[in-house]
Amino acid sequence: MSKSSSEIDQDAPMRLADAVRIAFPKGGMTVAGLRREINRGRLIPEKIAGKHFVTLAGIEEMRRKCRVEAKGPGSSFVPPGTTAQETSPTEQPGSSEMVPSIAAQDALSMKLQRLSER
């Protein structure tokens, strides 16, 4: 009969295959995945007799390091030193109006004219 992860000592070293089976019972992680996390420095292993061992506590720490923080709205602009409540939607800095572009040939002509005036 196998024990659940809550019944196993969180600091007991276990082989990577056992750690995958216990810590990720519904799949989604492989031994190779744990090795990648070891190489990235997010999972601290113990190497005993040439074999890698990890703990469930170590896997929990790795999961904490891997969590992705929720991002706020990406399109709003809040000037430094102010809060979102201090800015008005009608008083947003910048302009959505397009600035007329100057052709490269016109820019070169203007530059040559300035140089010839010197």
PDB file of N, CA and C in Angstrom:
ATOM      1  N   MET A   1       0.851  -1.178   0.000  1.00  0.00           N
ATOM      2  CA  MET A   1       0.000   0.000   0.000  1.00  0.00           C
ATOM      3  C   MET A   1       0.895   1.240   0.000  1.00  0.00           C
ATOM      4  N   SER A   2       0.633   2.207  -0.883  1.00  0.00           N
ATOM      5  CA  SER A   2       1.480   3.394  -0.953  1.00  0.00           C
ATOM      6  C   SER A   2       0.916   4.502  -0.074  1.00  0.00           C
ATOM      7  N   LYS A   3       1.826   5.311   0.425  1.00  0.00           N
ATOM      8  CA  LYS A   3       1.433   6.424   1.286  1.00  0.00           C
ATOM      9  C   LYS A   3       1.151   7.647   0.422  1.00  0.00           C
ATOM     10  N   SER A   4       0.269   8.518   0.886  1.00  0.00           N
ATOM     11  CA  SER A   4       0.049   9.772   0.181  1.00  0.00           C
ATOM     12  C   SER A   4       1.169  10.727   0.545  1.00  0.00           C
ATOM     13  N   SER A   5       1.319  11.814  -0.248  1.00  0.00           N
ATOM     14  CA  SER A   5       2.413  12.756  -0.011  1.00  0.00           C
ATOM     15  C   SER A   5       2.300  13.421   1.360  1.00  0.00           C
ATOM     16  N   SER A   6       1.105  13.502   1.937  1.00  0.00           N
ATOM     17  CA  SER A   6       0.960  14.112   3.259  1.00  0.00           C
ATOM     18  C   SER A   6       1.441  13.180   4.371  1.00  0.00           C
ATOM     19  N   GLU A   7       1.502  11.868   4.097  1.00  0.00           N
ATOM     20  CA  GLU A   7       1.958  10.896   5.088  1.00  0.00           C
ATOM     21  C   GLU A   7       3.463  10.659   5.028  1.00  0.00           C
ATOM     22  N   ILE A   8       4.146  11.172   4.006  1.00  0.00           N
ATOM     23  CA  ILE A   8       5.578  10.958   3.826  1.00  0.00           C
ATOM     24  C   ILE A   8       6.331  12.131   4.443  1.00  0.00           C
ATOM     25  N   ASP A   9       7.455  11.820   5.091  1.00  0.00           N
ATOM     26  CA  ASP A   9       8.312  12.848   5.667  1.00  0.00           C
ATOM     27  C   ASP A   9       8.750  13.797   4.548  1.00  0.00           C
ATOM     28  N   GLN A  10       8.453  15.085   4.710  1.00  0.00           N
ATOM     29  CA  GLN A  10       8.749  16.093   3.684  1.00  0.00           C
ATOM     30  C   GLN A  10      10.242  16.262   3.436  1.00  0.00           C
ATOM     31  N   ASP A  11      11.080  15.850   4.384  1.00  0.00           N
ATOM     32  CA  ASP A  11      12.529  15.984   4.251  1.00  0.00           C
ATOM     33  C   ASP A  11      13.231  14.660   3.951  1.00  0.00           C
ATOM     34  N   ALA A  12      12.468  13.616   3.690  1.00  0.00           N
ATOM     35  CA  ALA A  12      13.060  12.317   3.381  1.00  0.00           C
ATOM     36  C   ALA A  12      13.559  12.319   1.935  1.00  0.00           C
ATOM     37  N   PRO A  13      14.829  11.978   1.706  1.00  0.00           N
ATOM     38  CA  PRO A  13      15.337  11.947   0.332  1.00  0.00           C
ATOM     39  C   PRO A  13      14.702  10.802  -0.453  1.00  0.00           C
ATOM     40  N   MET A  14      14.386  11.078  -1.716  1.00  0.00           N
ATOM     41  CA  MET A  14      13.812  10.041  -2.578  1.00  0.00           C
ATOM     42  C   MET A  14      14.341  10.217  -3.987  1.00  0.00           C
ATOM     43  N   ARG A  15      14.391   9.126  -4.715  1.00  0.00           N
ATOM     44  CA  ARG A  15      14.852   9.151  -6.100  1.00  0.00           C
ATOM     45  C   ARG A  15      13.891   9.997  -6.922  1.00  0.00           C
ATOM     46  N   LEU A  16      14.383  10.520  -8.036  1.00  0.00           N
ATOM     47  CA  LEU A  16      13.582  11.415  -8.871  1.00  0.00           C
ATOM     48  C   LEU A  16      12.305  10.748  -9.369  1.00  0.00           C
ATOM     49  N   ALA A  17      12.383   9.491  -9.773  1.00  0.00           N
ATOM     50  CA  ALA A  17      11.190   8.792 -10.273  1.00  0.00           C
ATOM     51  C   ALA A  17      10.120   8.684  -9.190  1.00  0.00           C
ATOM     52  N   ASP A  18      10.542   8.414  -7.955  1.00  0.00           N
ATOM     53  CA  ASP A  18       9.573   8.333  -6.859  1.00  0.00           C
ATOM     54  C   ASP A  18       9.000   9.708  -6.540  1.00  0.00           C
ATOM     55  N   ALA A  19       9.853  10.732  -6.599  1.00  0.00           N
ATOM     56  CA  ALA A  19       9.388  12.097  -6.325  1.00  0.00           C
ATOM     57  C   ALA A  19       8.347  12.531  -7.347  1.00  0.00           C
ATOM     58  N   VAL A  20       8.565  12.200  -8.617  1.00  0.00           N
ATOM     59  CA  VAL A  20       7.590  12.542  -9.664  1.00  0.00           C
ATOM     60  C   VAL A  20       6.267  11.847  -9.386  1.00  0.00           C
ATOM     61  N   ARG A  21       6.324  10.566  -9.047  1.00  0.00           N
ATOM     62  CA  ARG A  21       5.103   9.783  -8.811  1.00  0.00           C
ATOM     63  C   ARG A  21       4.315  10.319  -7.614  1.00  0.00           C
ATOM     64  N   ILE A  22       5.039  10.724  -6.557  1.00  0.00           N
ATOM     65  CA  ILE A  22       4.362  11.166  -5.333  1.00  0.00           C
ATOM     66  C   ILE A  22       3.937  12.630  -5.413  1.00  0.00           C
ATOM     67  N   ALA A  23       4.838  13.501  -5.882  1.00  0.00           N
ATOM     68  CA  ALA A  23       4.551  14.938  -5.880  1.00  0.00           C
ATOM     69  C   ALA A  23       3.636  15.359  -7.030  1.00  0.00           C
ATOM     70  N   PHE A  24       3.626  14.584  -8.112  1.00  0.00           N
ATOM     71  CA  PHE A  24       2.792  14.911  -9.275  1.00  0.00           C
ATOM     72  C   PHE A  24       1.975  13.682  -9.656  1.00  0.00           C
ATOM     73  N   PRO A  25       1.042  13.261  -8.780  1.00  0.00           N
ATOM     74  CA  PRO A  25       0.317  12.000  -9.012  1.00  0.00           C
ATOM     75  C   PRO A  25      -0.553  12.002 -10.263  1.00  0.00           C
ATOM     76  N   LYS A  26      -0.927  13.162 -10.752  1.00  0.00           N
ATOM     77  CA  LYS A  26      -1.777  13.212 -11.947  1.00  0.00           C
ATOM     78  C   LYS A  26      -0.970  13.487 -13.206  1.00  0.00           C
ATOM     79  N   GLY A  27       0.357  13.430 -13.089  1.00  0.00           N
ATOM     80  CA  GLY A  27       1.216  13.626 -14.257  1.00  0.00           C
ATOM     81  C   GLY A  27       1.621  15.076 -14.426  1.00  0.00           C
ATOM     82  N   GLY A  28       2.166  15.353 -15.581  1.00  0.00           N
ATOM     83  CA  GLY A  28       2.579  16.712 -15.888  1.00  0.00           C
ATOM     84  C   GLY A  28       4.052  16.977 -15.634  1.00  0.00           C
ATOM     85  N   MET A  29       4.702  16.140 -14.847  1.00  0.00           N
ATOM     86  CA  MET A  29       6.137  16.295 -14.581  1.00  0.00           C
ATOM     87  C   MET A  29       6.804  14.948 -14.800  1.00  0.00           C
ATOM     88  N   THR A  30       8.021  15.020 -15.322  1.00  0.00           N
ATOM     89  CA  THR A  30       8.804  13.810 -15.577  1.00  0.00           C
ATOM     90  C   THR A  30      10.130  13.898 -14.834  1.00  0.00           C
ATOM     91  N   VAL A  31      10.863  12.815 -14.835  1.00  0.00           N
ATOM     92  CA  VAL A  31      12.199  12.815 -14.246  1.00  0.00           C
ATOM     93  C   VAL A  31      13.073  13.822 -14.997  1.00  0.00           C
ATOM     94  N   ALA A  32      12.956  13.859 -16.316  1.00  0.00           N
ATOM     95  CA  ALA A  32      13.728  14.825 -17.110  1.00  0.00           C
ATOM     96  C   ALA A  32      13.364  16.262 -16.727  1.00  0.00           C
ATOM     97  N   GLY A  33      12.102  16.495 -16.437  1.00  0.00           N
ATOM     98  CA  GLY A  33      11.668  17.828 -16.005  1.00  0.00           C
ATOM     99  C   GLY A  33      12.305  18.221 -14.681  1.00  0.00           C
ATOM    100  N   LEU A  34      12.372  17.282 -13.747  1.00  0.00           N
ATOM    101  CA  LEU A  34      13.040  17.567 -12.471  1.00  0.00           C
ATOM    102  C   LEU A  34      14.524  17.832 -12.691  1.00  0.00           C
ATOM    103  N   ARG A  35      15.148  17.078 -13.595  1.00  0.00           N
ATOM    104  CA  ARG A  35      16.568  17.321 -13.889  1.00  0.00           C
ATOM    105  C   ARG A  35      16.775  18.720 -14.477  1.00  0.00           C
ATOM    106  N   ARG A  36      15.861  19.154 -15.339  1.00  0.00           N
ATOM    107  CA  ARG A  36      15.963  20.524 -15.887  1.00  0.00           C
ATOM    108  C   ARG A  36      15.870  21.555 -14.773  1.00  0.00           C
ATOM    109  N   GLU A  37      14.954  21.341 -13.832  1.00  0.00           N
ATOM    110  CA  GLU A  37      14.811  22.283 -12.717  1.00  0.00           C
ATOM    111  C   GLU A  37      16.056  22.263 -11.826  1.00  0.00           C
ATOM    112  N   ILE A  38      16.696  21.093 -11.680  1.00  0.00           N
ATOM    113  CA  ILE A  38      17.960  21.008 -10.944  1.00  0.00           C
ATOM    114  C   ILE A  38      19.022  21.836 -11.670  1.00  0.00           C
ATOM    115  N   ASN A  39      19.107  21.683 -12.995  1.00  0.00           N
ATOM    116  CA  ASN A  39      20.098  22.425 -13.789  1.00  0.00           C
ATOM    117  C   ASN A  39      19.845  23.926 -13.762  1.00  0.00           C
ATOM    118  N   ARG A  40      18.597  24.325 -13.641  1.00  0.00           N
ATOM    119  CA  ARG A  40      18.254  25.746 -13.567  1.00  0.00           C
ATOM    120  C   ARG A  40      18.461  26.324 -12.169  1.00  0.00           C
ATOM    121  N   GLY A  41      18.716  25.454 -11.202  1.00  0.00           N
ATOM    122  CA  GLY A  41      18.966  25.918  -9.838  1.00  0.00           C
ATOM    123  C   GLY A  41      17.714  26.132  -9.012  1.00  0.00           C
ATOM    124  N   ARG A  42      16.564  25.688  -9.508  1.00  0.00           N
ATOM    125  CA  ARG A  42      15.316  25.874  -8.758  1.00  0.00           C
ATOM    126  C   ARG A  42      14.985  24.689  -7.859  1.00  0.00           C
ATOM    127  N   LEU A  43      15.653  23.551  -8.080  1.00  0.00           N
ATOM    128  CA  LEU A  43      15.453  22.359  -7.254  1.00  0.00           C
ATOM    129  C   LEU A  43      16.820  21.908  -6.769  1.00  0.00           C
ATOM    130  N   ILE A  44      16.977  21.810  -5.469  1.00  0.00           N
ATOM    131  CA  ILE A  44      18.253  21.436  -4.870  1.00  0.00           C
ATOM    132  C   ILE A  44      18.268  19.921  -4.638  1.00  0.00           C
ATOM    133  N   PRO A  45      19.196  19.217  -5.301  1.00  0.00           N
ATOM    134  CA  PRO A  45      19.277  17.762  -5.117  1.00  0.00           C
ATOM    135  C   PRO A  45      20.349  17.387  -4.104  1.00  0.00           C
ATOM    136  N   GLU A  46      20.316  16.133  -3.711  1.00  0.00           N
ATOM    137  CA  GLU A  46      21.410  15.515  -2.974  1.00  0.00           C
ATOM    138  C   GLU A  46      21.941  14.438  -3.908  1.00  0.00           C
ATOM    139  N   LYS A  47      23.253  14.356  -4.034  1.00  0.00           N
ATOM    140  CA  LYS A  47      23.823  13.313  -4.893  1.00  0.00           C
ATOM    141  C   LYS A  47      24.531  12.317  -3.993  1.00  0.00           C
ATOM    142  N   ILE A  48      23.956  11.133  -3.900  1.00  0.00           N
ATOM    143  CA  ILE A  48      24.477  10.072  -3.042  1.00  0.00           C
ATOM    144  C   ILE A  48      24.762   8.866  -3.937  1.00  0.00           C
ATOM    145  N   ALA A  49      25.988   8.378  -3.866  1.00  0.00           N
ATOM    146  CA  ALA A  49      26.402   7.226  -4.673  1.00  0.00           C
ATOM    147  C   ALA A  49      26.107   7.434  -6.154  1.00  0.00           C
ATOM    148  N   GLY A  50      26.280   8.671  -6.626  1.00  0.00           N
ATOM    149  CA  GLY A  50      26.073   8.981  -8.041  1.00  0.00           C
ATOM    150  C   GLY A  50      24.627   9.098  -8.464  1.00  0.00           C
ATOM    151  N   LYS A  51      23.710   9.073  -7.509  1.00  0.00           N
ATOM    152  CA  LYS A  51      22.280   9.158  -7.830  1.00  0.00           C
ATOM    153  C   LYS A  51      21.701  10.417  -7.208  1.00  0.00           C
ATOM    154  N   HIS A  52      20.796  11.074  -7.941  1.00  0.00           N
ATOM    155  CA  HIS A  52      20.143  12.274  -7.429  1.00  0.00           C
ATOM    156  C   HIS A  52      18.949  11.914  -6.550  1.00  0.00           C
ATOM    157  N   PHE A  53      18.870  12.592  -5.423  1.00  0.00           N
ATOM    158  CA  PHE A  53      17.734  12.469  -4.518  1.00  0.00           C
ATOM    159  C   PHE A  53      17.191  13.867  -4.269  1.00  0.00           C
ATOM    160  N   VAL A  54      15.872  13.979  -4.115  1.00  0.00           N
ATOM    161  CA  VAL A  54      15.226  15.239  -3.765  1.00  0.00           C
ATOM    162  C   VAL A  54      14.237  14.975  -2.641  1.00  0.00           C
ATOM    163  N   THR A  55      13.741  16.047  -2.041  1.00  0.00           N
ATOM    164  CA  THR A  55      12.737  15.909  -0.992  1.00  0.00           C
ATOM    165  C   THR A  55      11.443  16.565  -1.454  1.00  0.00           C
ATOM    166  N   LEU A  56      10.351  16.185  -0.832  1.00  0.00           N
ATOM    167  CA  LEU A  56       9.074  16.831  -1.144  1.00  0.00           C
ATOM    168  C   LEU A  56       9.110  18.304  -0.744  1.00  0.00           C
ATOM    169  N   ALA A  57       9.820  18.613   0.344  1.00  0.00           N
ATOM    170  CA  ALA A  57       9.968  20.022   0.748  1.00  0.00           C
ATOM    171  C   ALA A  57      10.721  20.796  -0.331  1.00  0.00           C
ATOM    172  N   GLY A  58      11.744  20.163  -0.917  1.00  0.00           N
ATOM    173  CA  GLY A  58      12.485  20.796  -2.003  1.00  0.00           C
ATOM    174  C   GLY A  58      11.617  21.027  -3.226  1.00  0.00           C
ATOM    175  N   ILE A  59      10.740  20.086  -3.528  1.00  0.00           N
ATOM    176  CA  ILE A  59       9.824  20.242  -4.662  1.00  0.00           C
ATOM    177  C   ILE A  59       8.833  21.369  -4.387  1.00  0.00           C
ATOM    178  N   GLU A  60       8.346  21.477  -3.159  1.00  0.00           N
ATOM    179  CA  GLU A  60       7.445  22.587  -2.810  1.00  0.00           C
ATOM    180  C   GLU A  60       8.148  23.929  -2.994  1.00  0.00           C
ATOM    181  N   GLU A  61       9.414  24.017  -2.603  1.00  0.00           N
ATOM    182  CA  GLU A  61      10.198  25.241  -2.776  1.00  0.00           C
ATOM    183  C   GLU A  61      10.383  25.535  -4.266  1.00  0.00           C
ATOM    184  N   MET A  62      10.658  24.513  -5.059  1.00  0.00           N
ATOM    185  CA  MET A  62      10.787  24.680  -6.509  1.00  0.00           C
ATOM    186  C   MET A  62       9.488  25.210  -7.101  1.00  0.00           C
ATOM    187  N   ARG A  63       8.370  24.649  -6.674  1.00  0.00           N
ATOM    188  CA  ARG A  63       7.071  25.101  -7.184  1.00  0.00           C
ATOM    189  C   ARG A  63       6.823  26.563  -6.826  1.00  0.00           C
ATOM    190  N   ARG A  64       7.240  26.966  -5.621  1.00  0.00           N
ATOM    191  CA  ARG A  64       7.089  28.363  -5.217  1.00  0.00           C
ATOM    192  C   ARG A  64       7.910  29.274  -6.135  1.00  0.00           C
ATOM    193  N   LYS A  65       9.129  28.845  -6.468  1.00  0.00           N
ATOM    194  CA  LYS A  65       9.997  29.639  -7.338  1.00  0.00           C
ATOM    195  C   LYS A  65       9.457  29.709  -8.763  1.00  0.00           C
ATOM    196  N   CYS A  66       8.706  28.698  -9.173  1.00  0.00           N
ATOM    197  CA  CYS A  66       8.202  28.625 -10.547  1.00  0.00           C
ATOM    198  C   CYS A  66       6.847  29.310 -10.734  1.00  0.00           C
ATOM    199  N   ARG A  67       6.235  29.766  -9.647  1.00  0.00           N
ATOM    200  CA  ARG A  67       4.904  30.371  -9.784  1.00  0.00           C
ATOM    201  C   ARG A  67       4.968  31.624 -10.635  1.00  0.00           C
ATOM    202  N   VAL A  68       3.981  31.784 -11.476  1.00  0.00           N
ATOM    203  CA  VAL A  68       3.874  32.948 -12.348  1.00  0.00           C
ATOM    204  C   VAL A  68       2.900  33.916 -11.703  1.00  0.00           C
ATOM    205  N   GLU A  69       3.364  35.134 -11.480  1.00  0.00           N
ATOM    206  CA  GLU A  69       2.506  36.159 -10.887  1.00  0.00           C
ATOM    207  C   GLU A  69       1.517  36.667 -11.931  1.00  0.00           C
ATOM    208  N   ALA A  70       0.302  36.947 -11.496  1.00  0.00           N
ATOM    209  CA  ALA A  70      -0.717  37.500 -12.393  1.00  0.00           C
ATOM    210  C   ALA A  70      -0.310  38.905 -12.793  1.00  0.00           C
ATOM    211  N   LYS A  71      -0.446  39.190 -14.069  1.00  0.00           N
ATOM    212  CA  LYS A  71      -0.094  40.513 -14.570  1.00  0.00           C
ATOM    213  C   LYS A  71      -1.325  41.409 -14.557  1.00  0.00           C
ATOM    214  N   GLY A  72      -1.090  42.690 -14.313  1.00  0.00           N
ATOM    215  CA  GLY A  72      -2.163  43.676 -14.372  1.00  0.00           C
ATOM    216  C   GLY A  72      -2.441  44.012 -15.824  1.00  0.00           C
ATOM    217  N   PRO A  73      -3.354  44.936 -16.048  1.00  0.00           N
ATOM    218  CA  PRO A  73      -3.651  45.334 -17.430  1.00  0.00           C
ATOM    219  C   PRO A  73      -2.403  45.905 -18.078  1.00  0.00           C
ATOM    220  N   GLY A  74      -2.113  45.452 -19.281  1.00  0.00           N
ATOM    221  CA  GLY A  74      -0.896  45.871 -19.960  1.00  0.00           C
ATOM    222  C   GLY A  74      -1.037  47.138 -20.764  1.00  0.00           C
ATOM    223  N   SER A  75      -2.240  47.634 -20.966  1.00  0.00           N
ATOM    224  CA  SER A  75      -2.397  48.782 -21.845  1.00  0.00           C
ATOM    225  C   SER A  75      -2.541  50.103 -21.102  1.00  0.00           C
ATOM    226  N   SER A  76      -2.646  50.092 -19.799  1.00  0.00           N
ATOM    227  CA  SER A  76      -2.815  51.353 -19.090  1.00  0.00           C
ATOM    228  C   SER A  76      -1.461  51.977 -18.803  1.00  0.00           C
ATOM    229  N   PHE A  77      -1.408  53.290 -18.747  1.00  0.00           N
ATOM    230  CA  PHE A  77      -0.177  54.006 -18.454  1.00  0.00           C
ATOM    231  C   PHE A  77      -0.378  54.796 -17.184  1.00  0.00           C
ATOM    232  N   VAL A  78       0.475  54.565 -16.212  1.00  0.00           N
ATOM    233  CA  VAL A  78       0.442  55.326 -14.972  1.00  0.00           C
ATOM    234  C   VAL A  78       1.817  55.963 -14.825  1.00  0.00           C
ATOM    235  N   PRO A  79       1.891  57.301 -14.885  1.00  0.00           N
ATOM    236  CA  PRO A  79       3.194  57.957 -14.759  1.00  0.00           C
ATOM    237  C   PRO A  79       3.852  57.617 -13.433  1.00  0.00           C
ATOM    238  N   PRO A  80       5.197  57.547 -13.405  1.00  0.00           N
ATOM    239  CA  PRO A  80       5.893  57.244 -12.156  1.00  0.00           C
ATOM    240  C   PRO A  80       5.517  58.232 -11.055  1.00  0.00           C
ATOM    241  N   GLY A  81       5.341  57.743  -9.851  1.00  0.00           N
ATOM    242  CA  GLY A  81       5.009  58.595  -8.710  1.00  0.00           C
ATOM    243  C   GLY A  81       3.529  58.869  -8.547  1.00  0.00           C
ATOM    244  N   THR A  82       2.674  58.283  -9.402  1.00  0.00           N
ATOM    245  CA  THR A  82       1.233  58.486  -9.276  1.00  0.00           C
ATOM    246  C   THR A  82       0.562  57.127  -9.178  1.00  0.00           C
ATOM    247  N   THR A  83      -0.689  57.135  -8.792  1.00  0.00           N
ATOM    248  CA  THR A  83      -1.456  55.899  -8.760  1.00  0.00           C
ATOM    249  C   THR A  83      -2.467  55.924  -9.885  1.00  0.00           C
ATOM    250  N   ALA A  84      -3.035  54.785 -10.178  1.00  0.00           N
ATOM    251  CA  ALA A  84      -4.006  54.697 -11.261  1.00  0.00           C
ATOM    252  C   ALA A  84      -5.218  55.582 -10.990  1.00  0.00           C
ATOM    253  N   GLN A  85      -5.586  55.785  -9.719  1.00  0.00           N
ATOM    254  CA  GLN A  85      -6.749  56.601  -9.389  1.00  0.00           C
ATOM    255  C   GLN A  85      -6.478  58.087  -9.642  1.00  0.00           C
ATOM    256  N   GLU A  86      -5.200  58.503  -9.603  1.00  0.00           N
ATOM    257  CA  GLU A  86      -4.870  59.914  -9.797  1.00  0.00           C
ATOM    258  C   GLU A  86      -4.901  60.325 -11.264  1.00  0.00           C
ATOM    259  N   THR A  87      -4.879  59.374 -12.181  1.00  0.00           N
ATOM    260  CA  THR A  87      -4.890  59.713 -13.596  1.00  0.00           C
ATOM    261  C   THR A  87      -6.298  59.595 -14.132  1.00  0.00           C
ATOM    262  N   SER A  88      -6.642  60.510 -14.999  1.00  0.00           N
ATOM    263  CA  SER A  88      -7.968  60.518 -15.595  1.00  0.00           C
ATOM    264  C   SER A  88      -7.901  59.870 -16.966  1.00  0.00           C
ATOM    265  N   PRO A  89      -8.909  59.101 -17.350  1.00  0.00           N
ATOM    266  CA  PRO A  89      -8.881  58.484 -18.662  1.00  0.00           C
ATOM    267  C   PRO A  89      -8.878  59.507 -19.788  1.00  0.00           C
ATOM    268  N   THR A  90      -9.402  60.721 -19.538  1.00  0.00           N
ATOM    269  CA  THR A  90      -9.426  61.748 -20.575  1.00  0.00           C
ATOM    270  C   THR A  90      -8.151  62.578 -20.590  1.00  0.00           C
ATOM    271  N   GLU A  91      -7.310  62.418 -19.598  1.00  0.00           N
ATOM    272  CA  GLU A  91      -6.075  63.190 -19.532  1.00  0.00           C
ATOM    273  C   GLU A  91      -4.852  62.291 -19.620  1.00  0.00           C
ATOM    274  N   GLN A  92      -4.899  61.294 -20.474  1.00  0.00           N
ATOM    275  CA  GLN A  92      -3.773  60.396 -20.634  1.00  0.00           C
ATOM    276  C   GLN A  92      -2.633  61.135 -21.335  1.00  0.00           C
ATOM    277  N   PRO A  93      -1.406  60.929 -20.858  1.00  0.00           N
ATOM    278  CA  PRO A  93      -0.279  61.564 -21.533  1.00  0.00           C
ATOM    279  C   PRO A  93      -0.060  60.946 -22.903  1.00  0.00           C
ATOM    280  N   GLY A  94       0.527  61.722 -23.807  1.00  0.00           N
ATOM    281  CA  GLY A  94       0.789  61.228 -25.153  1.00  0.00           C
ATOM    282  C   GLY A  94      -0.378  61.505 -26.066  1.00  0.00           C
ATOM    283  N   SER A  95      -0.225  61.139 -27.299  1.00  0.00           N
ATOM    284  CA  SER A  95      -1.260  61.400 -28.280  1.00  0.00           C
ATOM    285  C   SER A  95      -1.385  60.206 -29.199  1.00  0.00           C
ATOM    286  N   SER A  96      -2.587  59.946 -29.638  1.00  0.00           N
ATOM    287  CA  SER A  96      -2.787  58.871 -30.587  1.00  0.00           C
ATOM    288  C   SER A  96      -2.744  59.400 -32.013  1.00  0.00           C
ATOM    289  N   GLU A  97      -2.561  60.709 -32.164  1.00  0.00           N
ATOM    290  CA  GLU A  97      -2.505  61.314 -33.489  1.00  0.00           C
ATOM    291  C   GLU A  97      -1.207  60.917 -34.165  1.00  0.00           C
ATOM    292  N   MET A  98      -1.302  60.602 -35.461  1.00  0.00           N
ATOM    293  CA  MET A  98      -0.119  60.206 -36.210  1.00  0.00           C
ATOM    294  C   MET A  98       0.667  61.444 -36.628  1.00  0.00           C
ATOM    295  N   VAL A  99       1.976  61.402 -36.422  1.00  0.00           N
ATOM    296  CA  VAL A  99       2.844  62.487 -36.862  1.00  0.00           C
ATOM    297  C   VAL A  99       3.176  62.227 -38.322  1.00  0.00           C
ATOM    298  N   PRO A 100       3.043  63.266 -39.169  1.00  0.00           N
ATOM    299  CA  PRO A 100       3.345  63.023 -40.582  1.00  0.00           C
ATOM    300  C   PRO A 100       4.813  62.612 -40.736  1.00  0.00           C
ATOM    301  N   SER A 101       5.045  61.556 -41.493  1.00  0.00           N
ATOM    302  CA  SER A 101       6.413  61.087 -41.665  1.00  0.00           C
ATOM    303  C   SER A 101       7.069  61.828 -42.812  1.00  0.00           C
ATOM    304  N   ILE A 102       8.378  61.910 -42.735  1.00  0.00           N
ATOM    305  CA  ILE A 102       9.134  62.582 -43.781  1.00  0.00           C
ATOM    306  C   ILE A 102       9.824  61.497 -44.595  1.00  0.00           C
ATOM    307  N   ALA A 103       9.793  61.628 -45.879  1.00  0.00           N
ATOM    308  CA  ALA A 103      10.403  60.635 -46.743  1.00  0.00           C
ATOM    309  C   ALA A 103      11.912  60.653 -46.554  1.00  0.00           C
ATOM    310  N   ALA A 104      12.537  59.523 -46.720  1.00  0.00           N
ATOM    311  CA  ALA A 104      13.986  59.419 -46.552  1.00  0.00           C
ATOM    312  C   ALA A 104      14.717  60.339 -47.516  1.00  0.00           C
ATOM    313  N   GLN A 105      14.205  60.458 -48.741  1.00  0.00           N
ATOM    314  CA  GLN A 105      14.848  61.320 -49.739  1.00  0.00           C
ATOM    315  C   GLN A 105      14.751  62.785 -49.315  1.00  0.00           C
ATOM    316  N   ASP A 106      13.590  63.188 -48.746  1.00  0.00           N
ATOM    317  CA  ASP A 106      13.430  64.562 -48.261  1.00  0.00           C
ATOM    318  C   ASP A 106      14.377  64.836 -47.101  1.00  0.00           C
ATOM    319  N   ALA A 107      14.533  63.862 -46.205  1.00  0.00           N
ATOM    320  CA  ALA A 107      15.428  64.030 -45.066  1.00  0.00           C
ATOM    321  C   ALA A 107      16.861  64.189 -45.544  1.00  0.00           C
ATOM    322  N   LEU A 108      17.272  63.396 -46.546  1.00  0.00           N
ATOM    323  CA  LEU A 108      18.619  63.489 -47.085  1.00  0.00           C
ATOM    324  C   LEU A 108      18.834  64.841 -47.762  1.00  0.00           C
ATOM    325  N   SER A 109      17.837  65.308 -48.502  1.00  0.00           N
ATOM    326  CA  SER A 109      17.938  66.617 -49.157  1.00  0.00           C
ATOM    327  C   SER A 109      18.128  67.728 -48.138  1.00  0.00           C
ATOM    328  N   MET A 110      17.359  67.678 -47.038  1.00  0.00           N
ATOM    329  CA  MET A 110      17.478  68.704 -46.002  1.00  0.00           C
ATOM    330  C   MET A 110      18.861  68.660 -45.361  1.00  0.00           C
ATOM    331  N   LYS A 111      19.383  67.463 -45.127  1.00  0.00           N
ATOM    332  CA  LYS A 111      20.698  67.310 -44.512  1.00  0.00           C
ATOM    333  C   LYS A 111      21.784  67.857 -45.443  1.00  0.00           C
ATOM    334  N   LEU A 112      21.703  67.532 -46.730  1.00  0.00           N
ATOM    335  CA  LEU A 112      22.680  68.029 -47.699  1.00  0.00           C
ATOM    336  C   LEU A 112      22.612  69.544 -47.819  1.00  0.00           C
ATOM    337  N   GLN A 113      21.408  70.098 -47.750  1.00  0.00           N
ATOM    338  CA  GLN A 113      21.251  71.550 -47.843  1.00  0.00           C
ATOM    339  C   GLN A 113      21.921  72.221 -46.646  1.00  0.00           C
ATOM    340  N   ARG A 114      21.739  71.668 -45.427  1.00  0.00           N
ATOM    341  CA  ARG A 114      22.367  72.232 -44.233  1.00  0.00           C
ATOM    342  C   ARG A 114      23.886  72.161 -44.326  1.00  0.00           C
ATOM    343  N   LEU A 115      24.383  71.055 -44.871  1.00  0.00           N
ATOM    344  CA  LEU A 115      25.830  70.887 -44.997  1.00  0.00           C
ATOM    345  C   LEU A 115      26.414  71.875 -46.023  1.00  0.00           C
ATOM    346  N   SER A 116      25.678  72.093 -47.092  1.00  0.00           N
ATOM    347  CA  SER A 116      26.183  73.016 -48.144  1.00  0.00           C
ATOM    348  C   SER A 116      26.130  74.463 -47.677  1.00  0.00           C
ATOM    349  N   GLU A 117      25.270  74.793 -46.725  1.00  0.00           N
ATOM    350  CA  GLU A 117      25.178  76.159 -46.205  1.00  0.00           C
ATOM    351  C   GLU A 117      26.365  76.492 -45.313  1.00  0.00           C
ATOM    352  N   ARG A 118      27.022  75.495 -44.772  1.00  0.00           N
ATOM    353  CA  ARG A 118      28.174  75.707 -43.897  1.00  0.00           C
ATOM    354  C   ARG A 118      29.316  76.081 -44.745  1.00  0.00           C
TER     355      ARG A 118
END
